[in-house]
Amino acid sequence: MTRDQLFARDNYRCVYCGEIFPAEELTVDHVQPRVRGGDRSGGNLVTACRGCNTLKGHRRLAEFLSAEPVARTHFFALATAVWPRHLRAVEEQLARRDTKRAQRERAR
């Protein structure tokens, strides 16, 4: 899948902030990073604006979405072409993070 095909598939909309951008302000983001076994297939790629991709940085997707509730909401609403197995993995990682956060708060 080319960058232009990906941007067109995602309607030139960043899956994290939900805004629409011209192609030159968009980037390709891997749901499952290549260094962690992710591939370059369309089911592992999403459109992100430069600002959101910079904000995400090198964090794992679940870490970023946990820290950014608006991005979390938009991601699950807009990343409709992501492989279901990747979505499940992110949901599971988020659930674990949320459980740990709740346990820490109760311990205080």
N, C-alpha and C. Protein backbone atom coordinates (compact mmCIF):
# COMPACT_ATOMS: atom_id res chain seq x y z
N MET A 1 0.85 -1.17 0.00
CA MET A 1 0.00 0.00 0.00
C MET A 1 0.90 1.24 0.00
N THR A 2 0.63 2.15 -0.90
CA THR A 2 1.43 3.39 -0.96
C THR A 2 0.89 4.38 0.07
N ARG A 3 1.70 5.40 0.34
CA ARG A 3 1.28 6.45 1.27
C ARG A 3 -0.03 7.09 0.79
N ASP A 4 -0.09 7.41 -0.50
CA ASP A 4 -1.29 8.05 -1.04
C ASP A 4 -2.52 7.15 -0.91
N GLN A 5 -2.34 5.85 -1.13
CA GLN A 5 -3.46 4.92 -0.97
C GLN A 5 -3.92 4.87 0.48
N LEU A 6 -2.96 4.86 1.41
CA LEU A 6 -3.29 4.84 2.83
C LEU A 6 -4.05 6.11 3.22
N PHE A 7 -3.53 7.26 2.82
CA PHE A 7 -4.19 8.52 3.17
C PHE A 7 -5.60 8.58 2.59
N ALA A 8 -5.75 8.12 1.34
CA ALA A 8 -7.08 8.11 0.73
C ALA A 8 -8.01 7.15 1.48
N ARG A 9 -7.51 5.97 1.84
CA ARG A 9 -8.32 5.00 2.59
C ARG A 9 -8.83 5.61 3.89
N ASP A 10 -7.97 6.37 4.57
CA ASP A 10 -8.33 6.98 5.85
C ASP A 10 -8.94 8.37 5.68
N ASN A 11 -9.28 8.72 4.44
CA ASN A 11 -9.92 10.01 4.13
C ASN A 11 -9.10 11.21 4.58
N TYR A 12 -7.78 11.07 4.54
CA TYR A 12 -6.86 12.15 4.90
C TYR A 12 -7.09 12.64 6.33
N ARG A 13 -7.57 11.74 7.17
CA ARG A 13 -7.92 12.05 8.56
C ARG A 13 -6.94 11.35 9.50
N CYS A 14 -6.41 12.11 10.44
CA CYS A 14 -5.53 11.55 11.46
C CYS A 14 -6.37 10.68 12.40
N VAL A 15 -5.95 9.44 12.62
CA VAL A 15 -6.72 8.54 13.48
C VAL A 15 -6.59 8.90 14.96
N TYR A 16 -5.69 9.82 15.30
CA TYR A 16 -5.49 10.18 16.70
C TYR A 16 -6.23 11.46 17.10
N CYS A 17 -6.19 12.48 16.27
CA CYS A 17 -6.90 13.73 16.62
C CYS A 17 -8.22 13.87 15.87
N GLY A 18 -8.39 13.10 14.79
CA GLY A 18 -9.63 13.13 14.04
C GLY A 18 -9.73 14.24 13.01
N GLU A 19 -8.69 15.06 12.90
CA GLU A 19 -8.71 16.18 11.95
C GLU A 19 -8.31 15.72 10.55
N ILE A 20 -8.77 16.45 9.55
CA ILE A 20 -8.41 16.19 8.15
C ILE A 20 -7.29 17.14 7.76
N PHE A 21 -6.29 16.60 7.04
CA PHE A 21 -5.10 17.36 6.66
C PHE A 21 -4.78 17.12 5.18
N PRO A 22 -4.04 18.05 4.56
CA PRO A 22 -3.50 17.77 3.23
C PRO A 22 -2.44 16.67 3.34
N ALA A 23 -2.23 15.94 2.28
CA ALA A 23 -1.30 14.79 2.29
C ALA A 23 0.09 15.17 2.79
N GLU A 24 0.57 16.35 2.46
CA GLU A 24 1.92 16.73 2.87
C GLU A 24 2.07 16.94 4.38
N GLU A 25 0.98 17.00 5.10
CA GLU A 25 1.03 17.15 6.56
C GLU A 25 0.74 15.83 7.29
N LEU A 26 0.66 14.74 6.53
CA LEU A 26 0.34 13.43 7.11
C LEU A 26 1.55 12.51 7.11
N THR A 27 1.52 11.55 8.03
CA THR A 27 2.57 10.54 8.12
C THR A 27 1.91 9.17 8.20
N VAL A 28 2.71 8.15 8.00
CA VAL A 28 2.26 6.76 8.13
C VAL A 28 2.72 6.27 9.49
N ASP A 29 1.81 5.66 10.25
CA ASP A 29 2.17 5.12 11.55
C ASP A 29 1.85 3.63 11.58
N HIS A 30 2.76 2.86 12.16
CA HIS A 30 2.56 1.42 12.31
C HIS A 30 1.86 1.15 13.63
N VAL A 31 0.79 0.39 13.61
CA VAL A 31 0.09 0.01 14.84
C VAL A 31 1.00 -0.91 15.65
N GLN A 32 1.48 -1.95 15.01
CA GLN A 32 2.49 -2.85 15.61
C GLN A 32 3.81 -2.46 14.97
N PRO A 33 4.72 -1.83 15.74
CA PRO A 33 5.98 -1.36 15.15
C PRO A 33 6.75 -2.48 14.45
N ARG A 34 7.44 -2.11 13.40
CA ARG A 34 8.21 -3.11 12.64
C ARG A 34 9.27 -3.76 13.51
N VAL A 35 9.86 -3.00 14.43
CA VAL A 35 10.90 -3.57 15.30
C VAL A 35 10.31 -4.59 16.27
N ARG A 36 8.99 -4.61 16.41
CA ARG A 36 8.31 -5.57 17.28
C ARG A 36 7.51 -6.58 16.46
N GLY A 37 7.89 -6.76 15.21
CA GLY A 37 7.27 -7.79 14.39
C GLY A 37 6.16 -7.32 13.48
N GLY A 38 5.85 -6.02 13.50
CA GLY A 38 4.80 -5.50 12.63
C GLY A 38 5.24 -5.48 11.17
N ASP A 39 4.27 -5.50 10.28
CA ASP A 39 4.59 -5.50 8.86
C ASP A 39 4.13 -4.19 8.21
N ARG A 40 4.26 -4.14 6.90
CA ARG A 40 3.89 -2.95 6.15
C ARG A 40 2.54 -3.10 5.46
N SER A 41 1.74 -4.04 5.92
CA SER A 41 0.44 -4.26 5.29
C SER A 41 -0.54 -3.17 5.72
N GLY A 42 -1.56 -2.99 4.92
CA GLY A 42 -2.58 -1.99 5.21
C GLY A 42 -3.26 -2.19 6.55
N GLY A 43 -3.34 -3.41 7.01
CA GLY A 43 -3.96 -3.70 8.30
C GLY A 43 -3.12 -3.32 9.50
N ASN A 44 -1.88 -2.92 9.25
CA ASN A 44 -0.98 -2.50 10.32
C ASN A 44 -0.62 -1.02 10.21
N LEU A 45 -1.18 -0.34 9.23
CA LEU A 45 -0.83 1.06 8.99
C LEU A 45 -2.02 1.97 9.20
N VAL A 46 -1.76 3.15 9.77
CA VAL A 46 -2.79 4.17 9.92
C VAL A 46 -2.22 5.52 9.52
N THR A 47 -3.10 6.46 9.26
CA THR A 47 -2.73 7.82 8.93
C THR A 47 -2.65 8.64 10.20
N ALA A 48 -1.57 9.39 10.36
CA ALA A 48 -1.41 10.27 11.51
C ALA A 48 -0.88 11.62 11.04
N CYS A 49 -1.35 12.68 11.66
CA CYS A 49 -0.79 13.99 11.33
C CYS A 49 0.59 14.09 11.97
N ARG A 50 1.38 15.01 11.50
CA ARG A 50 2.74 15.15 12.04
C ARG A 50 2.73 15.45 13.54
N GLY A 51 1.80 16.31 13.96
CA GLY A 51 1.73 16.68 15.37
C GLY A 51 1.46 15.48 16.27
N CYS A 52 0.48 14.67 15.90
CA CYS A 52 0.15 13.50 16.71
C CYS A 52 1.26 12.46 16.66
N ASN A 53 1.85 12.26 15.50
CA ASN A 53 2.93 11.28 15.39
C ASN A 53 4.13 11.72 16.23
N THR A 54 4.40 13.01 16.26
CA THR A 54 5.48 13.53 17.11
C THR A 54 5.13 13.35 18.57
N LEU A 55 3.89 13.65 18.95
CA LEU A 55 3.44 13.48 20.33
C LEU A 55 3.54 12.02 20.77
N LYS A 56 3.19 11.11 19.86
CA LYS A 56 3.29 9.68 20.18
C LYS A 56 4.74 9.28 20.34
N GLY A 57 5.60 9.82 19.50
CA GLY A 57 7.02 9.51 19.57
C GLY A 57 7.28 8.03 19.41
N HIS A 58 8.18 7.49 20.22
CA HIS A 58 8.54 6.08 20.13
C HIS A 58 7.82 5.23 21.15
N ARG A 59 6.77 5.81 21.77
CA ARG A 59 6.02 5.04 22.75
C ARG A 59 5.20 3.96 22.07
N ARG A 60 4.92 2.91 22.81
CA ARG A 60 4.01 1.89 22.31
C ARG A 60 2.63 2.53 22.18
N LEU A 61 1.85 2.03 21.25
CA LEU A 61 0.54 2.61 20.98
C LEU A 61 -0.33 2.63 22.24
N ALA A 62 -0.35 1.54 23.00
CA ALA A 62 -1.18 1.50 24.21
C ALA A 62 -0.72 2.54 25.23
N GLU A 63 0.57 2.77 25.33
CA GLU A 63 1.08 3.78 26.26
C GLU A 63 0.59 5.16 25.84
N PHE A 64 0.69 5.45 24.54
CA PHE A 64 0.24 6.74 24.01
C PHE A 64 -1.26 6.91 24.22
N LEU A 65 -2.05 5.91 23.85
CA LEU A 65 -3.50 6.01 23.96
C LEU A 65 -3.95 6.10 25.42
N SER A 66 -3.22 5.48 26.31
CA SER A 66 -3.54 5.54 27.73
C SER A 66 -3.33 6.96 28.26
N ALA A 67 -2.31 7.63 27.77
CA ALA A 67 -1.98 8.98 28.23
C ALA A 67 -2.80 10.05 27.52
N GLU A 68 -3.40 9.72 26.39
CA GLU A 68 -4.13 10.70 25.58
C GLU A 68 -5.56 10.20 25.32
N PRO A 69 -6.50 10.48 26.22
CA PRO A 69 -7.86 9.95 26.08
C PRO A 69 -8.56 10.33 24.78
N VAL A 70 -8.32 11.53 24.27
CA VAL A 70 -8.95 11.94 23.01
C VAL A 70 -8.43 11.09 21.86
N ALA A 71 -7.12 10.86 21.85
CA ALA A 71 -6.51 10.01 20.81
C ALA A 71 -7.07 8.59 20.90
N ARG A 72 -7.27 8.12 22.12
CA ARG A 72 -7.82 6.77 22.33
C ARG A 72 -9.22 6.65 21.72
N THR A 73 -10.05 7.63 21.99
CA THR A 73 -11.41 7.62 21.45
C THR A 73 -11.39 7.66 19.92
N HIS A 74 -10.60 8.57 19.37
CA HIS A 74 -10.54 8.69 17.91
C HIS A 74 -9.96 7.43 17.27
N PHE A 75 -8.90 6.88 17.87
CA PHE A 75 -8.27 5.70 17.28
C PHE A 75 -9.28 4.57 17.10
N PHE A 76 -10.02 4.24 18.15
CA PHE A 76 -10.95 3.12 18.04
C PHE A 76 -12.15 3.43 17.15
N ALA A 77 -12.46 4.71 16.96
CA ALA A 77 -13.55 5.08 16.06
C ALA A 77 -13.10 5.14 14.60
N LEU A 78 -11.85 5.53 14.37
CA LEU A 78 -11.39 5.81 13.01
C LEU A 78 -10.48 4.77 12.39
N ALA A 79 -9.81 3.96 13.18
CA ALA A 79 -8.85 2.99 12.64
C ALA A 79 -9.59 1.71 12.22
N THR A 80 -10.54 1.86 11.33
CA THR A 80 -11.42 0.76 10.95
C THR A 80 -10.76 -0.28 10.06
N ALA A 81 -9.64 0.05 9.45
CA ALA A 81 -8.99 -0.91 8.55
C ALA A 81 -7.87 -1.70 9.23
N VAL A 82 -7.65 -1.44 10.51
CA VAL A 82 -6.59 -2.14 11.25
C VAL A 82 -7.03 -3.59 11.48
N TRP A 83 -6.05 -4.50 11.38
CA TRP A 83 -6.34 -5.92 11.60
C TRP A 83 -6.99 -6.11 12.97
N PRO A 84 -8.04 -6.91 13.06
CA PRO A 84 -8.69 -7.16 14.36
C PRO A 84 -7.72 -7.67 15.43
N ARG A 85 -6.74 -8.47 15.05
CA ARG A 85 -5.79 -8.98 16.05
C ARG A 85 -4.97 -7.85 16.66
N HIS A 86 -4.64 -6.83 15.87
CA HIS A 86 -3.90 -5.69 16.40
C HIS A 86 -4.79 -4.87 17.34
N LEU A 87 -6.05 -4.68 16.93
CA LEU A 87 -6.98 -3.94 17.79
C LEU A 87 -7.18 -4.65 19.12
N ARG A 88 -7.34 -5.98 19.07
CA ARG A 88 -7.50 -6.76 20.31
C ARG A 88 -6.26 -6.61 21.20
N ALA A 89 -5.09 -6.68 20.60
CA ALA A 89 -3.86 -6.58 21.38
C ALA A 89 -3.76 -5.21 22.06
N VAL A 90 -4.10 -4.15 21.34
CA VAL A 90 -4.06 -2.81 21.93
C VAL A 90 -5.11 -2.70 23.03
N GLU A 91 -6.31 -3.22 22.80
CA GLU A 91 -7.36 -3.19 23.82
C GLU A 91 -6.91 -3.94 25.08
N GLU A 92 -6.27 -5.09 24.91
CA GLU A 92 -5.79 -5.87 26.06
C GLU A 92 -4.70 -5.12 26.82
N GLN A 93 -3.78 -4.51 26.09
CA GLN A 93 -2.72 -3.74 26.74
C GLN A 93 -3.30 -2.55 27.50
N LEU A 94 -4.28 -1.89 26.92
CA LEU A 94 -4.93 -0.77 27.59
C LEU A 94 -5.66 -1.23 28.85
N ALA A 95 -6.34 -2.37 28.76
CA ALA A 95 -7.06 -2.89 29.92
C ALA A 95 -6.10 -3.19 31.06
N ARG A 96 -4.94 -3.78 30.74
CA ARG A 96 -3.93 -4.06 31.77
C ARG A 96 -3.41 -2.77 32.40
N ARG A 97 -3.15 -1.78 31.56
CA ARG A 97 -2.67 -0.49 32.06
C ARG A 97 -3.72 0.17 32.95
N ASP A 98 -4.98 0.12 32.52
CA ASP A 98 -6.07 0.72 33.30
C ASP A 98 -6.23 0.03 34.64
N THR A 99 -6.11 -1.30 34.65
CA THR A 99 -6.22 -2.06 35.90
C THR A 99 -5.10 -1.69 36.85
N LYS A 100 -3.88 -1.62 36.34
CA LYS A 100 -2.73 -1.25 37.18
C LYS A 100 -2.90 0.17 37.73
N ARG A 101 -3.38 1.08 36.91
CA ARG A 101 -3.59 2.46 37.35
C ARG A 101 -4.63 2.50 38.46
N ALA A 102 -5.73 1.78 38.30
CA ALA A 102 -6.78 1.74 39.32
C ALA A 102 -6.26 1.14 40.62
N GLN A 103 -5.45 0.09 40.54
CA GLN A 103 -4.88 -0.51 41.74
C GLN A 103 -3.96 0.46 42.48
N ARG A 104 -3.17 1.21 41.73
CA ARG A 104 -2.28 2.20 42.35
C ARG A 104 -3.09 3.28 43.04
N GLU A 105 -4.17 3.72 42.41
CA GLU A 105 -5.00 4.77 43.00
C GLU A 105 -5.71 4.29 44.25
N ARG A 106 -6.15 3.03 44.27
CA ARG A 106 -6.80 2.47 45.47
C ARG A 106 -5.81 2.32 46.61
N ALA A 107 -4.55 2.05 46.29
CA ALA A 107 -3.53 1.85 47.30
C ALA A 107 -3.13 3.15 48.00
N ARG A 108 -3.46 4.26 47.41
CA ARG A 108 -3.08 5.56 47.99
C ARG A 108 -3.92 5.90 49.14
